[in-house]
Amino acid sequence: MTKKIIIHVNNRDIFFRRYTEILNSVLGLRQRELDVLMMLIDYYDLHWCDMVDRIVFSSDIKKEICNRLGISDSILNNCLSSLRSSGIIVGRSILRKYLIRYNDSVNINFQICHRRK
């Protein structure tokens, strides 16, 4: 069975918030980790280029994430470690399957698989 979710937004913050909330139904992240992931995906979209990994994981962007979320460097580093442990971040990159470009309407399709025991 395939379910279709349409996100109608005209604000990039709301777009990335909704997208990561949908992802989290599968990922099971804590709220802070989800907030950090949302910010990272947003920065990937803003700085989309060949050097995006270097830009997004730079100390300037990390400071900006800390300021925007009101968290310390150590909390950010703990969240990044957790995202690495769960396989969302590999090295200094977010797995491409989790990245999305901002658009005012995006279709996200899910296929629900039932496993029989």
N, C-alpha and C. Protein backbone atom coordinates (compact mmCIF):
# COMPACT_ATOMS: atom_id res chain seq x y z
N MET A 1 0.84 -1.16 0.00
CA MET A 1 0.00 0.00 0.00
C MET A 1 0.90 1.24 0.00
N THR A 2 0.56 2.24 -0.80
CA THR A 2 1.31 3.48 -0.85
C THR A 2 0.43 4.61 -0.32
N LYS A 3 0.98 5.39 0.57
CA LYS A 3 0.29 6.56 1.10
C LYS A 3 0.96 7.81 0.56
N LYS A 4 0.19 8.83 0.29
CA LYS A 4 0.73 10.06 -0.27
C LYS A 4 0.51 11.20 0.72
N ILE A 5 1.57 11.92 1.02
CA ILE A 5 1.49 13.07 1.92
C ILE A 5 1.92 14.30 1.13
N ILE A 6 1.09 15.32 1.12
CA ILE A 6 1.42 16.56 0.42
C ILE A 6 1.64 17.65 1.47
N ILE A 7 2.78 18.30 1.38
CA ILE A 7 3.12 19.37 2.31
C ILE A 7 2.94 20.69 1.58
N HIS A 8 1.97 21.49 2.01
CA HIS A 8 1.77 22.81 1.41
C HIS A 8 2.31 23.85 2.38
N VAL A 9 3.37 24.50 2.00
CA VAL A 9 3.95 25.54 2.85
C VAL A 9 4.51 26.65 1.97
N ASN A 10 4.63 27.82 2.56
CA ASN A 10 5.27 28.93 1.86
C ASN A 10 6.38 29.52 2.72
N ASN A 11 6.87 28.73 3.66
CA ASN A 11 7.90 29.17 4.58
C ASN A 11 8.89 28.03 4.73
N ARG A 12 10.16 28.29 4.46
CA ARG A 12 11.15 27.21 4.46
C ARG A 12 11.34 26.58 5.84
N ASP A 13 11.21 27.35 6.92
CA ASP A 13 11.34 26.77 8.26
C ASP A 13 10.24 25.74 8.53
N ILE A 14 9.02 26.10 8.16
CA ILE A 14 7.91 25.17 8.35
C ILE A 14 8.07 23.95 7.44
N PHE A 15 8.52 24.18 6.23
CA PHE A 15 8.75 23.08 5.29
C PHE A 15 9.71 22.05 5.88
N PHE A 16 10.89 22.50 6.35
CA PHE A 16 11.87 21.57 6.89
C PHE A 16 11.43 20.97 8.21
N ARG A 17 10.66 21.71 8.99
CA ARG A 17 10.12 21.16 10.25
C ARG A 17 9.17 20.01 9.92
N ARG A 18 8.24 20.24 9.00
CA ARG A 18 7.27 19.18 8.65
C ARG A 18 7.98 17.97 8.05
N TYR A 19 8.93 18.22 7.18
CA TYR A 19 9.66 17.13 6.53
C TYR A 19 10.37 16.26 7.56
N THR A 20 11.08 16.89 8.51
CA THR A 20 11.81 16.10 9.50
C THR A 20 10.85 15.41 10.48
N GLU A 21 9.70 16.01 10.75
CA GLU A 21 8.71 15.33 11.60
C GLU A 21 8.20 14.06 10.92
N ILE A 22 7.99 14.13 9.61
CA ILE A 22 7.57 12.93 8.87
C ILE A 22 8.69 11.89 8.89
N LEU A 23 9.92 12.32 8.64
CA LEU A 23 11.06 11.40 8.70
C LEU A 23 11.18 10.75 10.07
N ASN A 24 10.89 11.51 11.09
CA ASN A 24 11.08 11.01 12.45
C ASN A 24 10.14 9.87 12.80
N SER A 25 9.05 9.76 12.07
CA SER A 25 8.16 8.62 12.33
C SER A 25 8.88 7.30 12.03
N VAL A 26 9.92 7.37 11.19
CA VAL A 26 10.73 6.20 10.87
C VAL A 26 12.03 6.19 11.68
N LEU A 27 12.62 7.37 11.86
CA LEU A 27 13.94 7.47 12.49
C LEU A 27 13.91 7.34 14.02
N GLY A 28 12.87 7.87 14.65
CA GLY A 28 12.75 7.78 16.11
C GLY A 28 13.79 8.60 16.86
N LEU A 29 14.07 9.82 16.39
CA LEU A 29 15.05 10.69 17.05
C LEU A 29 14.42 11.44 18.21
N ARG A 30 15.27 11.88 19.14
CA ARG A 30 14.81 12.77 20.20
C ARG A 30 14.63 14.16 19.60
N GLN A 31 13.88 15.02 20.29
CA GLN A 31 13.53 16.33 19.75
C GLN A 31 14.76 17.17 19.38
N ARG A 32 15.76 17.21 20.25
CA ARG A 32 16.96 18.01 19.94
C ARG A 32 17.68 17.50 18.71
N GLU A 33 17.80 16.18 18.60
CA GLU A 33 18.45 15.58 17.43
C GLU A 33 17.65 15.93 16.16
N LEU A 34 16.34 15.91 16.28
CA LEU A 34 15.49 16.26 15.16
C LEU A 34 15.68 17.72 14.76
N ASP A 35 15.78 18.61 15.76
CA ASP A 35 16.02 20.03 15.48
C ASP A 35 17.34 20.23 14.76
N VAL A 36 18.38 19.55 15.21
CA VAL A 36 19.70 19.67 14.58
C VAL A 36 19.64 19.12 13.16
N LEU A 37 19.00 17.99 12.97
CA LEU A 37 18.86 17.42 11.63
C LEU A 37 18.12 18.39 10.70
N MET A 38 17.05 19.00 11.21
CA MET A 38 16.30 19.97 10.43
C MET A 38 17.19 21.12 9.98
N MET A 39 17.99 21.64 10.90
CA MET A 39 18.89 22.75 10.56
C MET A 39 19.93 22.32 9.52
N LEU A 40 20.49 21.13 9.69
CA LEU A 40 21.50 20.65 8.74
C LEU A 40 20.91 20.48 7.35
N ILE A 41 19.72 19.91 7.26
CA ILE A 41 19.08 19.73 5.95
C ILE A 41 18.78 21.08 5.32
N ASP A 42 18.35 22.03 6.12
CA ASP A 42 18.10 23.39 5.63
C ASP A 42 19.38 24.00 5.08
N TYR A 43 20.49 23.88 5.81
CA TYR A 43 21.76 24.43 5.33
C TYR A 43 22.25 23.72 4.08
N TYR A 44 22.02 22.40 3.98
CA TYR A 44 22.35 21.70 2.74
C TYR A 44 21.62 22.32 1.57
N ASP A 45 20.34 22.62 1.77
CA ASP A 45 19.55 23.22 0.69
C ASP A 45 20.05 24.62 0.34
N LEU A 46 20.38 25.41 1.35
CA LEU A 46 20.86 26.78 1.11
C LEU A 46 22.21 26.83 0.40
N HIS A 47 23.08 25.88 0.70
CA HIS A 47 24.45 25.90 0.19
C HIS A 47 24.72 24.77 -0.79
N TRP A 48 23.70 24.38 -1.56
CA TRP A 48 23.83 23.24 -2.46
C TRP A 48 24.91 23.50 -3.51
N CYS A 49 26.01 22.77 -3.42
CA CYS A 49 27.11 22.86 -4.37
C CYS A 49 28.04 21.68 -4.13
N ASP A 50 29.12 21.62 -4.87
CA ASP A 50 30.06 20.51 -4.73
C ASP A 50 30.72 20.47 -3.35
N MET A 51 30.83 21.62 -2.69
CA MET A 51 31.53 21.71 -1.41
C MET A 51 30.56 21.75 -0.23
N VAL A 52 29.33 21.32 -0.44
CA VAL A 52 28.29 21.48 0.58
C VAL A 52 28.66 20.83 1.91
N ASP A 53 29.28 19.65 1.90
CA ASP A 53 29.63 18.98 3.16
C ASP A 53 30.61 19.81 3.98
N ARG A 54 31.59 20.39 3.31
CA ARG A 54 32.58 21.22 3.99
C ARG A 54 31.92 22.48 4.57
N ILE A 55 30.99 23.06 3.83
CA ILE A 55 30.32 24.28 4.29
C ILE A 55 29.41 23.99 5.48
N VAL A 56 28.56 22.97 5.36
CA VAL A 56 27.55 22.69 6.39
C VAL A 56 28.19 22.29 7.71
N PHE A 57 29.29 21.56 7.67
CA PHE A 57 29.92 21.12 8.90
C PHE A 57 31.06 22.04 9.34
N SER A 58 31.08 23.26 8.81
CA SER A 58 32.11 24.23 9.22
C SER A 58 31.79 24.76 10.61
N SER A 59 32.80 25.31 11.26
CA SER A 59 32.58 25.84 12.62
C SER A 59 31.62 27.03 12.60
N ASP A 60 31.61 27.82 11.52
CA ASP A 60 30.68 28.96 11.44
C ASP A 60 29.23 28.50 11.43
N ILE A 61 28.95 27.48 10.63
CA ILE A 61 27.58 26.96 10.55
C ILE A 61 27.20 26.29 11.87
N LYS A 62 28.14 25.58 12.49
CA LYS A 62 27.85 24.96 13.79
C LYS A 62 27.51 26.02 14.83
N LYS A 63 28.24 27.14 14.84
CA LYS A 63 27.94 28.23 15.77
C LYS A 63 26.55 28.81 15.49
N GLU A 64 26.24 28.95 14.21
CA GLU A 64 24.93 29.49 13.84
C GLU A 64 23.80 28.55 14.28
N ILE A 65 24.01 27.25 14.12
CA ILE A 65 23.01 26.28 14.58
C ILE A 65 22.82 26.38 16.09
N CYS A 66 23.93 26.47 16.83
CA CYS A 66 23.85 26.62 18.29
C CYS A 66 23.06 27.86 18.66
N ASN A 67 23.34 28.98 17.99
CA ASN A 67 22.64 30.23 18.29
C ASN A 67 21.16 30.14 17.96
N ARG A 68 20.83 29.58 16.79
CA ARG A 68 19.43 29.51 16.38
C ARG A 68 18.62 28.56 17.26
N LEU A 69 19.24 27.50 17.72
CA LEU A 69 18.53 26.53 18.57
C LEU A 69 18.68 26.82 20.05
N GLY A 70 19.59 27.75 20.41
CA GLY A 70 19.81 28.06 21.82
C GLY A 70 20.44 26.92 22.59
N ILE A 71 21.41 26.25 21.96
CA ILE A 71 22.08 25.12 22.61
C ILE A 71 23.59 25.37 22.66
N SER A 72 24.27 24.63 23.51
CA SER A 72 25.73 24.77 23.63
C SER A 72 26.43 23.90 22.58
N ASP A 73 27.74 24.14 22.42
CA ASP A 73 28.55 23.34 21.50
C ASP A 73 28.53 21.86 21.89
N SER A 74 28.59 21.60 23.19
CA SER A 74 28.62 20.20 23.63
C SER A 74 27.31 19.48 23.31
N ILE A 75 26.18 20.18 23.47
CA ILE A 75 24.89 19.57 23.12
C ILE A 75 24.84 19.30 21.61
N LEU A 76 25.30 20.26 20.81
CA LEU A 76 25.34 20.05 19.35
C LEU A 76 26.20 18.84 19.00
N ASN A 77 27.38 18.77 19.61
CA ASN A 77 28.28 17.64 19.33
C ASN A 77 27.66 16.30 19.74
N ASN A 78 26.94 16.28 20.86
CA ASN A 78 26.24 15.06 21.27
C ASN A 78 25.16 14.67 20.25
N CYS A 79 24.43 15.66 19.75
CA CYS A 79 23.40 15.39 18.74
C CYS A 79 24.05 14.88 17.45
N LEU A 80 25.15 15.48 17.03
CA LEU A 80 25.84 15.02 15.82
C LEU A 80 26.35 13.60 16.00
N SER A 81 26.87 13.29 17.18
CA SER A 81 27.33 11.92 17.47
C SER A 81 26.18 10.93 17.39
N SER A 82 25.05 11.32 17.93
CA SER A 82 23.87 10.45 17.89
C SER A 82 23.39 10.24 16.46
N LEU A 83 23.40 11.31 15.65
CA LEU A 83 23.01 11.18 14.25
C LEU A 83 23.99 10.31 13.48
N ARG A 84 25.27 10.36 13.86
CA ARG A 84 26.25 9.46 13.24
C ARG A 84 26.00 8.01 13.67
N SER A 85 25.72 7.81 14.94
CA SER A 85 25.46 6.45 15.45
C SER A 85 24.25 5.82 14.79
N SER A 86 23.25 6.64 14.48
CA SER A 86 22.05 6.10 13.85
C SER A 86 22.18 6.00 12.33
N GLY A 87 23.36 6.37 11.79
CA GLY A 87 23.62 6.21 10.36
C GLY A 87 23.06 7.30 9.48
N ILE A 88 22.55 8.38 10.05
CA ILE A 88 22.02 9.49 9.27
C ILE A 88 23.16 10.34 8.73
N ILE A 89 24.18 10.55 9.58
CA ILE A 89 25.40 11.24 9.16
C ILE A 89 26.49 10.19 9.06
N VAL A 90 27.20 10.21 7.94
CA VAL A 90 28.34 9.32 7.73
C VAL A 90 29.53 10.22 7.45
N GLY A 91 30.52 10.17 8.34
CA GLY A 91 31.67 11.09 8.21
C GLY A 91 31.20 12.52 8.41
N ARG A 92 31.36 13.33 7.37
CA ARG A 92 30.91 14.72 7.40
C ARG A 92 29.82 14.96 6.37
N SER A 93 28.95 13.96 6.18
CA SER A 93 27.86 14.07 5.20
C SER A 93 26.58 13.47 5.75
N ILE A 94 25.47 14.09 5.38
CA ILE A 94 24.17 13.49 5.64
C ILE A 94 23.90 12.56 4.46
N LEU A 95 23.41 11.36 4.75
CA LEU A 95 23.07 10.46 3.66
C LEU A 95 22.10 11.16 2.71
N ARG A 96 22.35 11.06 1.44
CA ARG A 96 21.56 11.77 0.42
C ARG A 96 20.08 11.41 0.45
N LYS A 97 19.76 10.20 0.90
CA LYS A 97 18.34 9.81 0.91
C LYS A 97 17.51 10.65 1.89
N TYR A 98 18.17 11.34 2.82
CA TYR A 98 17.44 12.19 3.78
C TYR A 98 17.38 13.65 3.34
N LEU A 99 18.09 14.01 2.30
CA LEU A 99 18.12 15.40 1.87
C LEU A 99 16.96 15.71 0.93
N ILE A 100 16.50 16.94 1.00
CA ILE A 100 15.40 17.39 0.15
C ILE A 100 15.62 18.87 -0.14
N ARG A 101 15.19 19.29 -1.31
CA ARG A 101 15.30 20.70 -1.69
C ARG A 101 13.99 21.41 -1.35
N TYR A 102 14.07 22.65 -0.90
CA TYR A 102 12.87 23.43 -0.56
C TYR A 102 12.05 23.68 -1.81
N ASN A 103 10.76 23.49 -1.65
CA ASN A 103 9.81 23.73 -2.72
C ASN A 103 8.50 24.08 -2.03
N ASP A 104 7.65 24.87 -2.67
CA ASP A 104 6.42 25.24 -1.98
C ASP A 104 5.37 24.13 -1.97
N SER A 105 5.61 23.05 -2.69
CA SER A 105 4.75 21.87 -2.60
C SER A 105 5.55 20.64 -3.03
N VAL A 106 5.63 19.68 -2.16
CA VAL A 106 6.40 18.48 -2.42
C VAL A 106 5.52 17.27 -2.13
N ASN A 107 5.59 16.28 -2.98
CA ASN A 107 4.89 15.02 -2.72
C ASN A 107 5.86 14.04 -2.12
N ILE A 108 5.47 13.44 -1.01
CA ILE A 108 6.29 12.41 -0.37
C ILE A 108 5.46 11.14 -0.35
N ASN A 109 5.95 10.12 -0.99
CA ASN A 109 5.24 8.84 -1.04
C ASN A 109 5.88 7.84 -0.10
N PHE A 110 5.04 7.16 0.67
CA PHE A 110 5.50 6.11 1.57
C PHE A 110 4.88 4.80 1.14
N GLN A 111 5.65 3.76 1.19
CA GLN A 111 5.10 2.44 0.97
C GLN A 111 5.11 1.74 2.33
N ILE A 112 3.95 1.30 2.74
CA ILE A 112 3.82 0.63 4.03
C ILE A 112 3.95 -0.87 3.80
N CYS A 113 4.90 -1.47 4.45
CA CYS A 113 5.13 -2.91 4.31
C CYS A 113 4.75 -3.59 5.61
N HIS A 114 3.99 -4.63 5.51
CA HIS A 114 3.62 -5.41 6.69
C HIS A 114 4.43 -6.69 6.68
N ARG A 115 5.07 -6.98 7.77
CA ARG A 115 5.82 -8.23 7.91
C ARG A 115 5.00 -9.21 8.71
N ARG A 116 4.92 -10.38 8.21
CA ARG A 116 4.19 -11.42 8.93
C ARG A 116 5.18 -12.20 9.77
N LYS A 117 4.77 -12.59 10.96
CA LYS A 117 5.64 -13.34 11.87
C LYS A 117 5.41 -14.81 11.73
